[in-house]
Each structure stands twice: as structure tokens, then as C-alpha cells.
């Protein structure tokens, strides 16, 4: 006997009812009459009954639907983990939103890796992966490209090449790239990409970053252009961190980047990000942060009327899947429920910090209670590693009975620990509120107008 699936989001839009399947993310818009039949459970009277069956809004067995989703999208394959190497905890900036504010330069601790440490880390990478084949290797900080780290960076690139390791990705604030021109040219074949952060157009960037007394915007822009000249084929990702002061001024920056020949270059990819904290999700320390529940709705208020914002840019936040759902609705891009856990859970992430320990996530690197190994000792802590590898929302009673399970993936284990003092006591992201706000904004901006006509 057919029944309404548990995994459905219901939302009134004018005199229509929008249904979103929370495992397939397809939607269907019901007329007022069909909406009343749906809400009253008069399923045999539904005009769109066949469409509702085809879209898994009407099912015989919800458990079968969820198990099928876990089988298709929750099973973990053979993806290799990524490796993040903290070259230093020192930085030449003091961005007020930085999640490393309690360690590194913001905590007045200055440490850097040695070339011997690089050897130890590469040995651990081979040990973890069973050879030189591995996922991404990322050079991170602090600011990895400080002048004092040049020989360490050179050594890391040279020995990665000698060992047959993958090309390295470099995450940088972009202010010192020009001082590495010689190394970048020499090891261009061993660098896969650069990731650089911007916070808005010129004066707004300086205001948000707190760098008015020593401006960085033009320096970063010139360094991006330098990279494009030195390495025309290099991939550059620009992260635009959105918050209250810049979310309504995105086009100002994009217009400038287009004029400079940066936006529109096929090797430059700009993506949005939300300023967030895994350890302090309420962001009390940063009042300008965009609330998770309204992050995507604020983006869509701008992007649906912009000729410069592309779908590729729409991303970021703990509920990144909402951006994917929008692309699925707009362009039929494939989207699947978030059932495997975060990247620290699968495919896994190993963060090699300057204290000699290994951590599963960049945001907790330096907090030794979270350490899962030591590259100085050449060991992994099996019990702690297993806790991360074996974490599954399918075993979490709070999550596996929630109809929004496919949106949040069980949240963040770090946040669970920091807020609820338990790996498995989920700190709820209230994904339903974020989805509601996104749909409401899309409706107000006319996204569903063609559906109403149909």
C-alpha cells in the first residue's frame, strides 16, 4: 500500500504546495487542490499521483528507500585520503575570522617544519597509502609562503618529484607569491594549483581582513596575475569569503576581476565560502558571520540578478549540498544525498602539524586531544583513527530517524565533541531551516515561475 514518504520537505508557495524529496532532491509543485489532498492524506484523489510515485514521494516502504540510498550513495569506495602539511603556524596576517586564532601567529606561537620533518611526513604518507599513490597533498599554514620557509618549500617540491608523489596544492593568502617566483618556475611541474582568498573589492577587503594599515588587495591581485603569466596552465582557485559586509557587494569585486582579465580565464575558478568555525559554530567571536540558515538565501538574492555570478561559484558552508541542489533544479546537474560523512571521515584527511602530531581536520590541528598519530614517531594511533574511519550516521539514532539526514550527513564530529562532548551526539545544523529559507528566496526571486505556468 502506497504512503507518503517520510523523506519529504513540504512548503507552501502562494496557493501551491512544493514537495522536495530529501533523498533524490527532485521537487514537484502541487496545485491548491492536490496540496489539500496531500495534506489530508487523500492520496487516491491526487491528480499528480503517478508523478508522485515516479518521484518516490509515494512509496510502499520508506526503509527500503533509505537503505537503497545508503547502498548507492553511502558506501565508501576506494578514494585515497588527502594530506595537509602545515609548513608553519606563523602568518603575516591577522585576519579576525581565522579559525587558527587560538594557535599559530594569532596565539603568538611561531613554529615551522624542517626538511627532516618533510622526510618524516612523506614517509608517513607512503606508509598510510601503501606507496606513492595518494590523494591530494596540500601545503598549508599559517602562511606557507613566508620568505623564511623558502628552502623547506623547495625541498618539499623537489622530494615530492623524486618520490613520484602527486603534484602539490598550495593554500596561501597570496601576499608573498612574488617572493617565490624562482621556485614556482623551477617546480612548475610539481604544483597542481594555488588557492587564494579575497574578501571583497579593495577597501572592503582591507576592512574585513583588518589590513588597512598595510593594504594587501593590490598585492594579491598582482600576484595572481604573476602566476597566470608564469604558469598559464596553472589552476588558481579564488575563495571569496562571504559575510554581512560583502555579501551584497559581490559584483563589485567580480567586475574588477573581469576587467583585470582574471575572471573569465579558464584556469581561474572563483567559489564562495562562508566564514565558519567547527569548534564554535555559533560564531560568537565573529558577529559579521552569515548565519548558516540564511547563507544560501542571501547568495540567491544577488546571484539571480547578476550576469557575473556563475553557478560554479555557488558553494560553501556546512550545508554545501544546498548549492548542489540548486544546480540540480536549474541545470539537472547530478546531486546525491550526503550520507558518507565529512571529508575527515571519508575519504579521510591527515593533517601534519608543526607540533609533530597528525590530526584528522585542519580546524583542530594543534589540539592534542584530537591527535590520531605522530609523524615524529612514525605511528598512527589505531583506536583514534578507527573512531574516524568507522563513524557512520547510519549507526547514529538521532540522525537515522531524521528526514533531513541526506542534507547534513550527520554534521561535524568535531562540533559534536566541542559542543556535546560526544563523537556521536550530533550538534544539529537545522538543515530544514536553511532549505526553507533558500526555497522561499528562490520563490520570491521568480525561480519557480515556469513551474506555476505549467
Protein backbone atom coordinates (compact mmCIF):
# COMPACT_ATOMS: atom_id res chain seq x y z
CA UNK A 1 0.00 0.00 0.00
CA UNK A 2 1.36 3.39 -1.01
CA UNK A 3 2.03 6.06 1.60
CA UNK A 4 3.74 9.42 1.76
CA UNK A 5 7.46 9.07 2.20
CA UNK A 6 8.92 10.36 5.43
CA UNK A 7 11.73 11.93 3.42
CA UNK A 8 9.83 14.88 2.03
CA UNK A 9 10.05 18.60 2.69
CA UNK A 10 6.70 20.40 2.39
CA UNK A 11 6.50 24.13 1.83
CA UNK A 12 3.61 26.41 0.90
CA UNK A 13 4.29 28.74 -2.01
CA UNK A 14 1.37 31.06 -2.60
CA UNK A 15 -1.61 28.71 -3.07
CA UNK A 16 0.62 25.85 -4.21
CA UNK A 17 2.50 23.22 -2.24
CA UNK A 18 6.12 22.44 -3.05
CA UNK A 19 7.40 18.96 -2.20
CA UNK A 20 11.11 18.13 -2.18
CA UNK A 21 12.25 14.53 -1.95
CA UNK A 22 15.06 14.64 0.61
CA UNK A 23 16.93 11.64 -0.83
CA UNK A 24 16.66 12.33 -4.57
CA UNK A 25 16.23 16.12 -4.23
CA UNK A 26 13.70 16.25 -7.06
CA UNK A 27 10.79 18.58 -6.46
CA UNK A 28 7.19 18.70 -7.56
CA UNK A 29 4.74 21.58 -7.32
CA UNK A 30 1.16 20.67 -6.42
CA UNK A 31 -1.91 22.75 -7.18
CA UNK A 32 -4.00 24.02 -4.32
CA UNK A 33 -6.42 21.12 -4.74
CA UNK A 34 -3.68 18.48 -4.91
CA UNK A 35 -1.95 20.17 -2.00
CA UNK A 36 -5.08 19.78 0.10
CA UNK A 37 -5.40 16.13 -0.92
CA UNK A 38 -1.77 15.58 0.04
CA UNK A 39 -2.09 17.24 3.44
CA UNK A 40 -5.34 15.40 4.15
CA UNK A 41 -3.77 12.09 3.08
CA UNK A 42 -6.40 11.64 0.33
CA UNK A 43 -3.79 10.05 -1.90
CA UNK A 44 -6.17 8.37 -4.36
CA UNK A 45 -7.61 11.77 -5.28
CA UNK A 46 -4.26 13.24 -6.32
CA UNK A 47 -4.18 14.42 -9.93
CA UNK A 48 -0.39 14.04 -9.97
CA UNK A 49 -0.39 10.66 -8.26
CA UNK A 50 1.64 8.93 -10.99
CA UNK A 51 4.29 11.67 -10.94
CA UNK A 52 4.44 11.40 -7.16
CA UNK A 53 5.00 7.65 -7.42
CA UNK A 54 7.69 8.08 -10.10
CA UNK A 55 9.45 10.68 -7.96
CA UNK A 56 9.38 8.49 -4.82
CA UNK A 57 7.08 10.86 -2.98
CA UNK A 58 4.65 7.96 -2.66
CA UNK A 59 6.30 4.71 -1.62
CA UNK A 60 5.45 1.34 -0.19
CA UNK A 61 8.43 1.16 2.16
CA UNK A 62 10.47 4.08 3.49
CA UNK A 63 13.09 1.78 4.99
CA UNK A 64 13.75 0.30 1.56
CA UNK A 65 14.17 3.81 0.11
CA UNK A 66 16.67 4.82 2.79
CA UNK A 67 18.61 1.56 2.55
CA UNK A 68 18.74 1.92 -1.23
CA UNK A 69 20.14 5.42 -0.80
CA UNK A 70 22.78 4.18 1.64
CA UNK A 71 23.67 1.35 -0.75
CA UNK A 72 24.06 3.71 -3.71
CA UNK A 73 25.49 6.80 -2.04
CA UNK A 74 26.56 5.87 1.47
CA UNK A 75 29.03 3.10 0.74
CA UNK A 76 32.64 4.16 0.93
CA UNK A 77 34.76 3.23 -2.04
CA UNK A 78 38.49 3.30 -2.59
CA UNK A 79 39.20 7.02 -2.65
CA UNK A 80 42.53 7.85 -1.09
CA UNK A 81 42.75 10.34 1.79
CA UNK A 82 44.17 13.82 1.39
CA UNK A 83 47.25 15.04 3.24
CA UNK A 84 47.62 18.58 4.61
CA UNK A 85 51.12 19.70 5.56
CA UNK A 86 51.31 22.69 7.90
CA UNK A 87 54.58 24.26 6.79
CA UNK A 88 54.29 26.75 9.63
CA UNK A 89 51.84 28.09 12.19
CA UNK A 90 53.14 31.62 11.58
CA UNK A 91 51.31 34.09 9.36
CA UNK A 92 51.98 37.62 8.12
CA UNK A 93 48.28 38.47 8.51
CA UNK A 94 45.92 38.52 11.50
CA UNK A 95 42.54 38.03 9.88
CA UNK A 96 39.94 38.38 12.65
CA UNK A 97 37.84 35.47 11.38
CA UNK A 98 40.69 32.95 11.09
CA UNK A 99 39.97 29.59 12.73
CA UNK A 100 43.62 29.42 13.80
CA UNK A 101 43.20 32.39 16.13
CA UNK A 102 43.90 30.20 19.17
CA UNK A 103 47.14 28.78 17.78
CA UNK A 104 49.83 29.89 15.37
CA UNK A 105 50.64 33.56 14.90
CA UNK A 106 47.38 34.68 16.42
CA UNK A 107 48.36 32.81 19.55
CA UNK A 108 51.92 34.19 19.35
CA UNK A 109 53.40 30.76 18.64
CA UNK A 110 55.89 30.62 15.78
CA UNK A 111 56.98 27.19 14.58
CA UNK A 112 57.94 25.83 11.17
CA UNK A 113 58.73 22.43 9.73
CA UNK A 114 62.30 21.44 8.90
CA UNK A 115 63.45 19.49 5.86
CA UNK A 116 63.83 16.46 8.16
CA UNK A 117 60.15 16.87 9.07
CA UNK A 118 59.25 16.82 5.37
CA UNK A 119 61.08 13.49 5.03
CA UNK A 120 59.19 12.12 8.04
CA UNK A 121 55.84 13.30 6.66
CA UNK A 122 56.43 11.87 3.19
CA UNK A 123 57.40 8.56 4.82
CA UNK A 124 54.11 8.61 6.74
CA UNK A 125 52.17 9.38 3.57
CA UNK A 126 53.68 6.35 1.86
CA UNK A 127 53.01 4.25 4.96
CA UNK A 128 49.37 5.32 5.10
CA UNK A 129 48.72 4.81 1.39
CA UNK A 130 50.95 1.79 0.85
CA UNK A 131 53.06 3.61 -1.74
CA UNK A 132 53.44 6.89 -3.59
CA UNK A 133 49.89 6.83 -4.94
CA UNK A 134 47.79 9.09 -2.74
CA UNK A 135 45.12 11.75 -2.71
CA UNK A 136 45.81 15.47 -2.67
CA UNK A 137 48.87 16.80 -0.88
CA UNK A 138 48.28 20.35 0.32
CA UNK A 139 50.85 22.83 1.65
CA UNK A 140 49.13 24.86 4.33
CA UNK A 141 49.78 27.20 7.23
CA UNK A 142 49.80 29.75 8.83
CA UNK A 143 51.18 31.24 5.66
CA UNK A 144 53.32 28.58 3.95
CA UNK A 145 54.98 31.04 1.56
CA UNK A 146 56.74 33.18 4.14
CA UNK A 147 60.25 34.09 2.98
CA UNK A 148 61.78 32.12 5.88
CA UNK A 149 60.23 28.90 4.54
CA UNK A 150 61.68 29.03 1.02
CA UNK A 151 64.15 26.20 1.46
CA UNK A 152 61.54 23.99 3.13
CA UNK A 153 59.10 24.62 0.27
CA UNK A 154 61.83 23.96 -2.30
CA UNK A 155 62.75 20.73 -0.50
CA UNK A 156 59.10 19.62 -0.30
CA UNK A 157 58.60 20.13 -4.04
CA UNK A 158 61.91 18.53 -5.02
CA UNK A 159 61.45 15.41 -2.90
CA UNK A 160 57.81 15.01 -3.95
CA UNK A 161 59.07 14.96 -7.52
CA UNK A 162 61.84 12.48 -6.73
CA UNK A 163 59.43 10.16 -4.89
CA UNK A 164 56.79 10.26 -7.59
CA UNK A 165 54.21 11.85 -5.30
CA UNK A 166 51.29 13.80 -6.80
CA UNK A 167 51.59 17.47 -7.61
CA UNK A 168 51.22 19.70 -4.56
CA UNK A 169 48.46 22.21 -3.94
CA UNK A 170 49.42 25.44 -2.17
CA UNK A 171 46.96 27.34 0.05
CA UNK A 172 48.18 30.90 0.55
CA UNK A 173 46.88 34.35 1.45
CA UNK A 174 48.55 35.46 -1.77
CA UNK A 175 50.71 38.26 -0.36
CA UNK A 176 54.14 36.66 -0.80
CA UNK A 177 53.81 34.71 -4.05
CA UNK A 178 56.17 37.12 -5.86
CA UNK A 179 58.98 36.22 -3.45
CA UNK A 180 58.71 32.59 -4.65
CA UNK A 181 58.94 33.36 -8.36
CA UNK A 182 62.15 31.36 -8.83
CA UNK A 183 60.85 28.27 -7.02
CA UNK A 184 57.48 28.43 -8.78
CA UNK A 185 59.20 28.49 -12.17
CA UNK A 186 61.65 25.74 -11.25
CA UNK A 187 58.96 23.38 -9.91
CA UNK A 188 56.01 24.36 -12.08
CA UNK A 189 55.52 20.72 -13.00
CA UNK A 190 55.14 19.72 -9.34
CA UNK A 191 52.48 22.30 -8.42
CA UNK A 192 48.85 21.45 -9.21
CA UNK A 193 47.15 24.64 -8.06
CA UNK A 194 47.09 27.67 -5.83
CA UNK A 195 44.21 28.60 -3.54
CA UNK A 196 43.98 32.28 -2.63
CA UNK A 197 41.41 34.14 -0.51
CA UNK A 198 39.79 37.52 -1.20
CA UNK A 199 37.26 39.34 0.97
CA UNK A 200 35.82 41.92 -1.40
CA UNK A 201 36.88 44.79 -3.62
CA UNK A 202 39.90 46.78 -2.39
CA UNK A 203 38.85 48.90 0.65
CA UNK A 204 36.22 46.34 1.73
CA UNK A 205 38.83 43.57 1.50
CA UNK A 206 41.18 45.57 3.74
CA UNK A 207 38.39 46.36 6.21
CA UNK A 208 37.33 42.74 6.60
CA UNK A 209 40.88 41.43 6.75
CA UNK A 210 41.94 44.17 9.16
CA UNK A 211 44.82 45.22 6.89
CA UNK A 212 44.05 48.92 6.36
CA UNK A 213 47.45 49.96 7.72
CA UNK A 214 49.29 47.55 5.39
CA UNK A 215 46.98 47.01 2.37
CA UNK A 216 47.10 43.61 0.67
CA UNK A 217 44.42 43.68 -2.05
CA UNK A 218 46.51 45.04 -4.92
CA UNK A 219 49.44 42.88 -3.86
CA UNK A 220 47.29 39.73 -4.05
CA UNK A 221 45.80 40.74 -7.41
CA UNK A 222 49.26 41.39 -8.88
CA UNK A 223 50.45 38.03 -7.58
CA UNK A 224 47.50 36.23 -9.19
CA UNK A 225 48.36 37.95 -12.49
CA UNK A 226 52.01 36.97 -11.98
CA UNK A 227 51.02 33.32 -11.60
CA UNK A 228 48.94 33.47 -14.77
CA UNK A 229 51.91 34.91 -16.65
CA UNK A 230 54.46 32.47 -15.22
CA UNK A 231 52.27 29.37 -15.44
CA UNK A 232 49.49 29.92 -18.00
CA UNK A 233 48.10 26.42 -17.39
CA UNK A 234 48.13 26.52 -13.58
CA UNK A 235 44.80 26.22 -11.78
CA UNK A 236 44.02 29.10 -9.45
CA UNK A 237 41.09 28.94 -7.06
CA UNK A 238 39.95 32.19 -5.52
CA UNK A 239 37.90 31.76 -2.36
CA UNK A 240 35.60 34.72 -1.76
CA UNK A 241 34.67 34.53 1.91
CA UNK A 242 31.20 35.96 2.36
CA UNK A 243 29.91 37.75 5.44
CA UNK A 244 27.46 40.52 6.30
CA UNK A 245 29.62 43.33 4.92
CA UNK A 246 30.33 41.89 1.47
CA UNK A 247 27.52 39.50 0.55
CA UNK A 248 25.54 42.28 -1.19
CA UNK A 249 28.63 43.66 -2.93
CA UNK A 250 29.85 40.59 -4.79
CA UNK A 251 29.52 42.16 -8.25
CA UNK A 252 31.90 44.99 -7.34
CA UNK A 253 34.74 42.51 -6.95
CA UNK A 254 33.70 40.36 -9.90
CA UNK A 255 33.54 43.37 -12.24
CA UNK A 256 37.06 44.34 -11.25
CA UNK A 257 38.38 40.78 -11.69
CA UNK A 258 36.78 40.60 -15.13
CA UNK A 259 38.33 43.92 -16.14
CA UNK A 260 41.74 42.66 -15.00
CA UNK A 261 41.39 39.51 -17.11
CA UNK A 262 41.28 37.23 -14.07
CA UNK A 263 37.60 36.34 -14.04
CA UNK A 264 36.90 34.63 -17.35
CA UNK A 265 40.32 32.98 -17.56
CA UNK A 266 39.56 29.27 -17.96
CA UNK A 267 42.20 28.37 -15.37
CA UNK A 268 40.76 30.63 -12.67
CA UNK A 269 37.90 29.32 -10.57
CA UNK A 270 36.17 31.55 -8.04
CA UNK A 271 34.00 30.00 -5.36
CA UNK A 272 32.10 31.41 -2.40
CA UNK A 273 32.71 30.32 1.15
CA UNK A 274 31.05 31.01 4.48
CA UNK A 275 33.18 32.15 7.39
CA UNK A 276 32.58 29.34 9.85
CA UNK A 277 34.02 27.54 12.84
CA UNK A 278 33.78 23.84 13.61
CA UNK A 279 34.69 24.43 17.25
CA UNK A 280 32.45 27.48 17.79
CA UNK A 281 29.56 27.03 15.34
CA UNK A 282 27.52 29.90 16.75
CA UNK A 283 30.29 32.32 15.77
CA UNK A 284 30.03 34.44 18.92
CA UNK A 285 33.59 35.60 18.26
CA UNK A 286 32.71 36.98 14.81
CA UNK A 287 29.42 38.90 14.73
CA UNK A 288 29.68 39.64 10.99
CA UNK A 289 29.39 35.94 10.07
CA UNK A 290 26.40 35.00 7.93
CA UNK A 291 24.07 32.64 9.80
CA UNK A 292 24.08 29.14 8.36
CA UNK A 293 20.29 29.19 7.97
CA UNK A 294 20.33 32.24 5.66
CA UNK A 295 23.69 31.84 3.88
CA UNK A 296 22.27 30.49 0.61
CA UNK A 297 19.20 32.70 0.64
CA UNK A 298 21.46 35.76 0.88
CA UNK A 299 23.53 34.49 -2.06
CA UNK A 300 20.46 33.89 -4.22
CA UNK A 301 19.12 37.37 -3.59
CA UNK A 302 22.19 38.53 -5.52
CA UNK A 303 23.07 35.79 -7.98
CA UNK A 304 19.69 35.50 -9.71
CA UNK A 305 20.03 39.09 -10.93
CA UNK A 306 23.75 39.07 -11.67
CA UNK A 307 25.39 38.47 -15.05
CA UNK A 308 28.74 37.83 -13.37
CA UNK A 309 27.90 35.20 -10.75
CA UNK A 310 28.09 31.73 -12.29
CA UNK A 311 26.66 28.52 -10.89
CA UNK A 312 30.21 27.27 -10.28
CA UNK A 313 30.70 29.98 -7.66
CA UNK A 314 27.69 28.97 -5.57
CA UNK A 315 29.15 26.87 -2.77
CA UNK A 316 30.36 26.97 0.79
CA UNK A 317 29.10 26.35 4.31
CA UNK A 318 28.44 23.17 6.27
CA UNK A 319 25.39 22.67 4.02
CA UNK A 320 27.24 22.92 0.72
CA UNK A 321 24.73 20.43 -0.66
CA UNK A 322 22.14 23.23 -0.90
CA UNK A 323 24.18 24.81 -3.66
CA UNK A 324 24.28 21.45 -5.44
CA UNK A 325 20.51 21.08 -5.08
CA UNK A 326 20.00 24.48 -6.72
CA UNK A 327 22.22 23.43 -9.65
CA UNK A 328 20.25 20.20 -9.89
CA UNK A 329 16.99 22.10 -10.12
CA UNK A 330 18.34 24.67 -12.55
CA UNK A 331 20.53 22.60 -14.85
CA UNK A 332 19.75 19.00 -13.90
CA UNK A 333 23.26 18.50 -12.52
CA UNK A 334 23.53 15.26 -10.59
CA UNK A 335 23.30 15.54 -6.82
CA UNK A 336 23.33 12.75 -4.26
CA UNK A 337 22.48 12.69 -0.55
CA UNK A 338 25.25 13.41 1.92
CA UNK A 339 25.48 10.03 3.63
CA UNK A 340 29.21 9.28 3.82
CA UNK A 341 30.21 11.83 6.43
CA UNK A 342 32.59 14.74 6.07
CA UNK A 343 35.94 14.55 4.28
CA UNK A 344 37.70 13.86 7.57
CA UNK A 345 35.62 10.68 7.81
CA UNK A 346 35.73 9.71 4.13
CA UNK A 347 37.95 9.58 2.21
CA UNK A 348 39.89 10.80 5.22
CA UNK A 349 42.30 13.63 5.90
CA UNK A 350 45.69 13.57 7.59
CA UNK A 351 46.94 16.95 8.80
CA UNK A 352 50.62 17.09 9.72
CA UNK A 353 51.04 19.88 12.23
CA UNK A 354 54.16 21.69 13.41
CA UNK A 355 53.93 20.03 16.84
CA UNK A 356 54.80 16.68 15.26
CA UNK A 357 51.30 15.25 15.60
CA UNK A 358 48.79 14.18 12.94
CA UNK A 359 45.18 15.38 13.06
CA UNK A 360 42.01 14.46 11.11
CA UNK A 361 40.91 18.06 10.42
CA UNK A 362 42.66 21.39 9.85
CA UNK A 363 40.49 23.21 12.39
CA UNK A 364 41.64 21.09 15.32
CA UNK A 365 45.30 20.80 14.38
CA UNK A 366 47.31 21.69 17.47
CA UNK A 367 44.71 20.41 19.93
CA UNK A 368 46.46 17.25 21.01
CA UNK A 369 43.34 15.62 22.38
CA UNK A 370 42.34 15.10 18.73
CA UNK A 371 45.70 13.75 17.51
CA UNK A 372 45.45 10.49 15.55
CA UNK A 373 49.17 9.90 15.11
CA UNK A 374 52.69 11.29 15.21
CA UNK A 375 54.93 11.76 12.19
CA UNK A 376 57.89 12.31 14.54
CA UNK A 377 57.38 8.81 15.93
CA UNK A 378 56.15 7.36 12.64
CA UNK A 379 52.97 5.93 14.17
CA UNK A 380 49.21 6.19 13.90
CA UNK A 381 47.04 5.83 16.98
CA UNK A 382 44.90 2.93 15.82
CA UNK A 383 41.98 3.42 18.20
CA UNK A 384 41.58 7.10 17.37
CA UNK A 385 41.99 6.51 13.63
CA UNK A 386 39.34 3.81 13.75
CA UNK A 387 36.93 6.18 15.50
CA UNK A 388 37.05 8.49 12.49
CA UNK A 389 37.14 5.80 9.80
CA UNK A 390 34.22 3.88 11.29
CA UNK A 391 31.99 6.86 12.05
CA UNK A 392 28.66 6.34 10.29
CA UNK A 393 25.44 8.28 10.55
CA UNK A 394 23.65 5.02 9.87
CA UNK A 395 24.61 4.00 13.41
CA UNK A 396 23.52 7.32 14.88
CA UNK A 397 19.97 7.00 16.20
CA UNK A 398 19.43 10.76 16.32
CA UNK A 399 20.34 11.13 12.63
CA UNK A 400 18.98 7.98 11.04
CA UNK A 401 15.47 8.81 12.21
CA UNK A 402 15.64 12.39 10.87
CA UNK A 403 14.13 13.01 7.45
CA UNK A 404 16.84 15.61 6.69
CA UNK A 405 19.63 13.03 7.05
CA UNK A 406 20.64 13.41 3.39
CA UNK A 407 21.31 17.13 3.77
CA UNK A 408 23.76 17.33 6.65
CA UNK A 409 25.41 13.91 6.70
CA UNK A 410 25.26 13.81 10.47
CA UNK A 411 27.02 17.12 10.95
CA UNK A 412 30.61 17.54 12.08
CA UNK A 413 32.21 15.14 14.58
CA UNK A 414 34.45 17.96 15.86
CA UNK A 415 31.44 20.16 16.57
CA UNK A 416 29.74 17.20 18.25
CA UNK A 417 32.72 16.84 20.55
CA UNK A 418 33.18 20.54 21.24
CA UNK A 419 29.51 21.28 21.95
CA UNK A 420 28.08 17.98 23.17
CA UNK A 421 31.25 16.27 24.42
CA UNK A 422 30.46 13.15 22.40
CA UNK A 423 31.52 11.98 18.95
CA UNK A 424 28.04 10.56 18.33
CA UNK A 425 25.85 13.19 19.99
CA UNK A 426 25.10 15.25 16.91
CA UNK A 427 25.06 19.01 17.04
CA UNK A 428 22.11 19.65 14.75
CA UNK A 429 22.62 22.08 11.87
CA UNK A 430 18.86 22.59 11.46
CA UNK A 431 19.13 21.94 7.75
CA UNK A 432 15.36 22.27 7.36
CA UNK A 433 15.55 25.97 8.24
CA UNK A 434 18.28 26.60 5.67
CA UNK A 435 16.33 24.69 2.99
CA UNK A 436 13.16 26.61 3.84
CA UNK A 437 14.94 29.96 3.59
CA UNK A 438 16.57 29.00 0.28
CA UNK A 439 13.29 27.88 -1.28
CA UNK A 440 11.49 30.97 -0.02
CA UNK A 441 14.09 33.26 -1.58
CA UNK A 442 14.08 31.35 -4.88
CA UNK A 443 10.29 31.69 -4.94
CA UNK A 444 10.41 35.42 -4.20
CA UNK A 445 13.02 35.90 -6.93
CA UNK A 446 10.87 34.09 -9.53
CA UNK A 447 12.84 30.87 -9.82
CA UNK A 448 9.70 28.69 -9.76
CA UNK A 449 7.59 30.91 -12.06
CA UNK A 450 7.72 28.49 -15.02
CA UNK A 451 6.54 25.69 -12.74
CA UNK A 452 3.47 27.74 -11.82
CA UNK A 453 2.70 28.26 -15.51
CA UNK A 454 3.00 24.55 -16.17
